[in-house]
Protein backbone atom coordinates (compact mmCIF):
# COMPACT_ATOMS: atom_id res chain seq x y z
CA MET A 1 60.67 7.72 0.65
CA ALA A 2 58.37 4.87 -0.40
CA ARG A 3 60.11 2.16 1.59
CA GLY A 4 57.88 0.62 4.18
CA ARG A 5 54.74 2.14 2.71
CA GLN A 6 51.80 -0.16 2.16
CA ALA A 7 50.75 -0.88 -1.35
CA ASP A 8 47.53 0.94 -2.46
CA GLN A 9 45.05 -2.00 -2.68
CA GLU A 10 42.54 -0.57 -5.08
CA LEU A 11 45.16 0.75 -7.54
CA THR A 12 47.06 -2.55 -7.26
CA GLU A 13 43.92 -4.41 -8.19
CA VAL A 14 43.08 -2.30 -11.27
CA LEU A 15 46.72 -2.16 -12.47
CA ASN A 16 46.98 -5.94 -12.25
CA GLN A 17 43.88 -6.20 -14.37
CA LEU A 18 45.63 -3.99 -16.98
CA TRP A 19 48.76 -6.16 -16.70
CA HIS A 20 46.80 -9.34 -17.40
CA LEU A 21 44.99 -7.69 -20.33
CA ASP A 22 48.23 -6.43 -21.91
CA SER A 23 48.28 -8.96 -24.78
CA ASN A 24 50.72 -6.72 -26.74
CA ARG A 25 53.39 -7.02 -24.05
CA LEU A 26 56.48 -8.63 -25.54
CA THR A 27 57.98 -11.79 -24.06
CA PRO A 28 61.47 -11.60 -22.64
CA GLY A 29 63.86 -14.18 -24.06
CA SER A 30 61.93 -14.63 -27.32
CA ASP A 31 60.61 -11.20 -28.47
CA TYR A 32 63.52 -9.33 -26.96
CA ILE A 33 66.69 -10.07 -24.98
CA ILE A 34 68.19 -7.73 -22.44
CA SER A 35 71.57 -7.83 -20.77
CA PRO A 36 71.49 -5.91 -17.42
CA GLN A 37 75.34 -6.43 -16.79
CA GLY A 38 76.93 -4.37 -13.96
CA ARG A 39 75.60 -2.21 -11.20
CA ALA A 40 75.96 1.49 -12.03
CA GLY A 41 77.75 3.82 -9.64
CA TYR A 42 76.74 7.14 -8.10
CA VAL A 43 76.63 10.15 -10.42
CA PRO A 44 76.01 13.54 -8.78
CA GLN A 45 73.16 15.63 -10.30
CA GLY A 46 74.49 17.84 -13.04
CA SER A 47 77.58 15.67 -13.71
CA ASN A 48 77.90 14.15 -17.13
CA TYR A 49 80.53 11.56 -16.29
CA ALA A 50 79.42 8.03 -15.44
CA LYS A 51 81.65 4.98 -15.17
CA ASP A 52 80.47 2.44 -17.70
CA ARG A 53 79.55 -0.79 -15.95
CA ALA A 54 77.97 -2.23 -19.09
CA ARG A 55 80.18 -2.78 -22.08
CA ALA A 56 77.34 -4.17 -24.17
CA PRO A 57 74.00 -2.52 -24.97
CA LEU A 58 71.03 -3.17 -22.71
CA PHE A 59 69.07 -4.64 -25.58
CA SER A 60 70.90 -7.46 -27.45
CA TYR A 61 67.77 -8.30 -29.51
CA VAL A 62 64.31 -6.91 -30.24
CA ASN A 63 61.88 -8.47 -32.69
CA GLU A 64 61.34 -5.42 -34.89
CA ASP A 65 58.80 -7.28 -36.91
CA LYS A 66 56.48 -7.16 -33.91
CA LEU A 67 57.15 -3.44 -33.43
CA LYS A 68 56.16 -2.85 -37.03
CA HIS A 69 53.15 -5.09 -37.09
CA ILE A 70 51.44 -4.60 -33.73
CA GLU A 71 49.35 -1.56 -34.54
CA THR A 72 49.83 0.39 -31.29
CA TYR A 73 53.65 0.07 -31.46
CA ALA A 74 53.71 1.07 -35.14
CA HIS A 75 51.73 4.28 -34.47
CA PHE A 76 53.75 4.93 -31.32
CA ILE A 77 57.11 4.71 -33.14
CA LYS A 78 55.84 7.23 -35.77
CA LEU A 79 55.14 9.71 -32.95
CA LEU A 80 58.66 9.40 -31.53
CA ASP A 81 60.24 11.41 -34.42
CA ASN A 82 57.83 14.31 -34.08
CA TYR A 83 59.44 16.20 -31.25
CA GLU A 84 62.33 18.66 -30.87
CA MET A 85 64.85 17.38 -28.32
CA SER A 86 65.53 20.62 -26.46
CA THR A 87 63.07 22.49 -24.23
CA GLY A 88 62.87 26.14 -25.08
CA VAL A 89 62.56 25.21 -28.77
CA SER A 90 58.98 25.71 -29.77
CA GLU A 91 57.23 22.65 -31.14
CA ARG A 92 55.38 22.97 -34.45
CA VAL A 93 52.57 20.50 -34.82
CA THR A 94 51.85 19.76 -38.50
CA SER A 95 48.50 18.43 -39.61
CA GLU A 96 50.22 15.18 -40.46
CA GLU A 97 51.54 14.89 -36.92
CA LEU A 98 48.15 15.67 -35.50
CA GLN A 99 46.75 12.91 -37.61
CA GLU A 100 49.46 10.49 -36.34
CA THR A 101 48.49 11.40 -32.74
CA LYS A 102 44.84 10.71 -33.45
CA LEU A 103 45.69 7.36 -35.08
CA PHE A 104 47.72 6.38 -31.99
CA ILE A 105 44.94 7.32 -29.62
CA ASN A 106 42.39 5.47 -31.80
CA ALA A 107 44.65 2.42 -31.94
CA ILE A 108 45.15 2.24 -28.12
CA MET A 109 41.45 2.76 -27.56
CA GLU A 110 40.78 -0.47 -29.44
CA THR A 111 42.83 -2.46 -26.86
CA ASP A 112 41.37 -4.27 -23.84
CA VAL A 113 43.86 -2.39 -21.66
CA MET A 114 42.51 1.07 -22.53
CA LYS A 115 38.89 -0.14 -22.46
CA CYS A 116 39.44 -1.42 -18.94
CA ALA A 117 41.16 1.79 -17.86
CA HIS A 118 38.37 3.90 -19.39
CA LYS A 119 35.67 1.82 -17.61
CA TYR A 120 37.47 2.23 -14.30
CA LEU A 121 37.87 6.02 -14.68
CA VAL A 122 34.19 6.42 -15.68
CA ARG A 123 33.22 4.42 -12.58
CA LYS A 124 35.39 6.69 -10.38
CA GLY A 125 33.82 9.84 -11.98
CA GLN A 126 37.16 10.96 -13.47
CA SER A 127 36.47 10.48 -17.19
CA PRO A 128 33.56 10.99 -19.57
CA SER A 129 31.85 7.79 -20.63
CA GLU A 130 31.53 8.98 -24.27
CA ARG A 131 34.54 7.49 -26.09
CA SER A 132 35.23 10.57 -28.25
CA HIS A 133 35.24 12.78 -25.13
CA PHE A 134 37.63 10.37 -23.35
CA LYS A 135 39.94 10.46 -26.38
CA ARG A 136 39.97 14.26 -26.12
CA GLN A 137 40.81 13.95 -22.41
CA LEU A 138 43.73 11.59 -23.29
CA TYR A 139 44.91 14.13 -25.87
CA ASP A 140 44.85 16.96 -23.34
CA ILE A 141 46.70 14.92 -20.69
CA TRP A 142 49.46 13.60 -22.98
CA PHE A 143 49.70 15.76 -26.12
CA ARG A 144 48.61 19.28 -25.33
CA LEU A 145 51.70 21.53 -25.71
CA TYR A 146 52.80 23.68 -22.77
CA HIS A 147 55.73 25.83 -21.64
CA ARG A 148 58.26 23.79 -19.73
CA ASP A 149 60.94 26.41 -20.24
CA ARG A 150 59.57 29.79 -19.30
CA SER A 151 61.77 31.68 -21.79
CA GLY A 152 60.41 29.97 -24.87
CA GLY A 153 57.18 29.04 -26.62
CA GLU A 154 55.12 25.94 -26.11
CA ASP A 155 58.01 23.50 -26.04
CA SER A 156 56.83 20.33 -24.40
CA CYS A 157 54.03 17.87 -23.63
CA GLY A 158 53.61 14.81 -21.36
CA PHE A 159 54.12 12.34 -24.21
CA GLU A 160 57.36 13.98 -25.33
CA HIS A 161 58.82 14.16 -21.85
CA VAL A 162 57.89 10.64 -20.68
CA PHE A 163 58.22 8.61 -23.89
CA VAL A 164 60.60 10.55 -26.12
CA GLY A 165 62.90 12.38 -23.67
CA GLU A 166 64.13 15.97 -23.89
CA THR A 167 67.14 18.03 -22.69
CA LYS A 168 67.22 21.07 -20.53
CA TYR A 169 69.51 23.84 -21.85
CA GLY A 170 71.55 21.03 -23.44
CA GLN A 171 72.84 20.18 -19.93
CA GLU A 172 70.51 17.57 -18.50
CA ILE A 173 68.33 14.74 -19.69
CA MET A 174 64.65 14.88 -18.73
CA GLY A 175 62.23 12.00 -19.13
CA LEU A 176 62.97 9.22 -21.63
CA HIS A 177 61.32 6.46 -19.56
CA ASN A 178 60.20 4.28 -22.48
CA TRP A 179 61.90 1.09 -23.48
CA VAL A 180 61.07 1.26 -27.21
CA GLN A 181 62.61 4.73 -27.48
CA PHE A 182 65.56 3.53 -25.38
CA TYR A 183 66.10 0.58 -27.73
CA LEU A 184 65.84 2.69 -30.92
CA GLN A 185 68.18 5.38 -29.55
CA GLU A 186 70.61 2.67 -28.40
CA LYS A 187 70.49 1.06 -31.87
CA HIS A 188 71.41 4.42 -33.45
CA ASP A 189 74.31 4.89 -30.97
CA HIS A 190 72.66 7.89 -29.23
CA VAL A 191 72.13 6.03 -25.99
CA ASP A 192 74.87 4.33 -24.00
CA TYR A 193 73.62 2.06 -21.21
CA LYS A 194 75.89 2.32 -18.11
CA GLY A 195 74.33 -0.33 -15.87
CA TYR A 196 71.37 -0.94 -13.60
CA LYS A 197 70.77 0.86 -10.27
CA ALA A 198 70.27 -1.07 -7.04
CA ARG A 199 71.15 -0.66 -3.40
CA ASP A 200 73.61 -3.57 -3.27
CA ASN A 201 75.08 -6.41 -5.28
CA LYS A 202 72.53 -8.96 -4.05
CA ASN A 203 69.80 -7.26 -6.11
CA THR A 204 70.88 -8.17 -9.62
CA PRO A 205 68.05 -7.84 -12.09
CA ASP A 206 67.53 -10.73 -14.46
CA GLU A 207 66.71 -10.92 -18.18
CA ASP A 208 63.02 -11.54 -17.48
CA ASP A 209 62.46 -8.41 -15.42
CA HIS A 210 59.81 -6.06 -16.81
CA VAL A 211 60.87 -3.02 -14.69
CA LEU A 212 64.40 -1.65 -14.31
CA ASN A 213 66.14 1.34 -12.76
CA LEU A 214 68.71 2.36 -15.33
CA GLN A 215 71.70 4.68 -15.71
CA PHE A 216 72.60 5.80 -19.24
CA SER A 217 73.88 8.62 -21.35
CA TRP A 218 71.90 10.09 -24.23
CA LYS A 219 73.75 12.16 -26.85
CA GLY A 220 76.54 12.73 -24.29
CA LEU A 221 74.34 13.74 -21.33
CA VAL A 222 74.05 11.42 -18.33
CA LYS A 223 70.82 10.30 -16.66
CA PRO A 224 71.95 9.15 -13.18
CA VAL A 225 68.89 6.99 -12.67
CA GLY A 226 65.68 6.50 -14.71
CA GLY A 227 62.96 3.94 -14.04
CA SER A 228 61.50 2.14 -17.03
CA PHE A 229 59.08 -0.63 -17.79
CA ILE A 230 60.61 -3.13 -20.23
CA GLY A 231 58.59 -5.01 -22.88
CA VAL A 232 55.16 -3.56 -21.92
CA SER A 233 52.92 -2.07 -24.63
CA PRO A 234 52.54 1.67 -25.10
CA GLU A 235 48.83 1.35 -24.21
CA PHE A 236 49.77 -0.22 -20.83
CA GLU A 237 51.91 2.78 -19.84
CA VAL A 238 49.42 5.31 -21.11
CA ALA A 239 46.57 3.56 -19.17
CA LEU A 240 48.55 3.14 -15.98
CA PHE A 241 49.82 6.71 -15.77
CA THR A 242 46.49 8.25 -16.86
CA ILE A 243 44.83 6.48 -13.98
CA VAL A 244 47.42 7.62 -11.40
CA PHE A 245 47.24 11.20 -12.85
CA LEU A 246 43.45 11.41 -12.73
CA MET A 247 43.04 9.88 -9.26
CA SER A 248 44.88 12.76 -7.67
CA THR A 249 45.02 16.56 -7.89
CA GLU A 250 48.36 16.95 -6.20
CA LYS A 251 51.27 18.57 -8.04
CA MET A 252 53.26 15.42 -7.33
CA THR A 253 51.65 12.01 -6.74
CA SER A 254 53.50 8.96 -5.59
CA VAL A 255 51.72 5.66 -5.01
CA VAL A 256 53.09 2.24 -4.11
CA VAL A 257 51.53 -0.68 -5.91
CA LYS A 258 52.36 -4.31 -6.54
CA VAL A 259 52.05 -5.16 -10.21
CA ASP A 260 52.65 -8.81 -11.04
CA GLU A 261 55.84 -9.59 -8.99
CA TYR A 262 57.06 -6.00 -8.84
CA VAL A 263 56.62 -3.61 -5.94
CA LEU A 264 56.73 -0.16 -7.56
CA GLU A 265 56.48 3.46 -6.65
CA LEU A 266 54.60 5.20 -9.51
CA VAL A 267 55.41 8.89 -9.61
CA VAL A 268 53.40 11.45 -11.56
CA TYR A 269 53.95 15.22 -11.74
CA ARG A 270 51.18 17.37 -13.12
CA HIS A 271 51.56 20.47 -15.33
CA GLY A 272 48.12 22.06 -15.11
CA GLN A 273 45.65 19.67 -16.70
CA SER A 274 48.49 17.66 -18.33
CA ILE A 275 51.20 15.23 -17.27
CA GLY A 276 54.52 16.85 -16.51
CA THR A 277 56.35 13.57 -16.02
CA SER A 278 55.59 10.02 -14.93
CA PHE A 279 57.82 6.98 -14.23
CA PRO A 280 57.99 3.80 -12.24
CA LYS A 281 60.60 3.23 -9.52
CA LEU A 282 61.32 -0.42 -8.81
CA LEU A 283 61.32 -1.03 -5.02
CA SER A 284 61.53 -4.82 -5.03
CA SER A 285 60.92 -7.78 -7.28
CA ASN A 286 60.41 -11.49 -6.57
CA HIS A 287 61.05 -10.75 -2.94
CA ARG A 288 64.34 -9.11 -3.78
CA ASP A 289 64.30 -5.92 -1.72
CA LEU A 290 65.99 -3.10 -3.55
């Protein structure tokens, strides 16, 4: 769908500013080591069988000290445990969880990445300039609960879907596009990495790549392909997808951008005034055409 489309120049420019400001991005080879291994095969939608082309985990090492001591990661990891896995199961938000959400938003708002994103959105007339109002807007976009499954209560939010992952009727994985959650789930043997997705064997990702298309199973359910940034900070992803979300009113937005060496399609689905899902799709990297 995105192949052959021109990169959006303005978005490319602002997202590269965010990329350069992302001082909390971890460094491949020293802060973490990934092992992309084999190219994953085709899995039809709804099937939960995938041939394993990766005998070892995707992450062979992550510096957990950094995850614990960089403030935005530490708050982010606390939020990961706060959600029920299945849609249709009403979420209960305790005051402690609400406090954790506030602390996370406060922490990311202290970073240059979010300050830059905020400034850009104010300039474009999409966000209030008052910081406290912008924090409220971020809360509504990412954390406001809504019905994803019509039969149940308020069972989902953008943050849960994108960063934590959820299952639909216990049959299908939805979301889970975040590398920290992937690593933690893999470490606890809940995630089994099956291999990377690419069009042919010439397009092998390397250990330094910051964006991958992955195939994996989570608690026995297979995700045929999921795009994920690797090593980037939580604030980078929140900033990037908030901008794409607010710059469009479409139910589904897809933009092509070139961030650093990666040509990406960024996809965002809206659920009212909130994010339904958002993820990157790697189109090419380092002149490798996928």
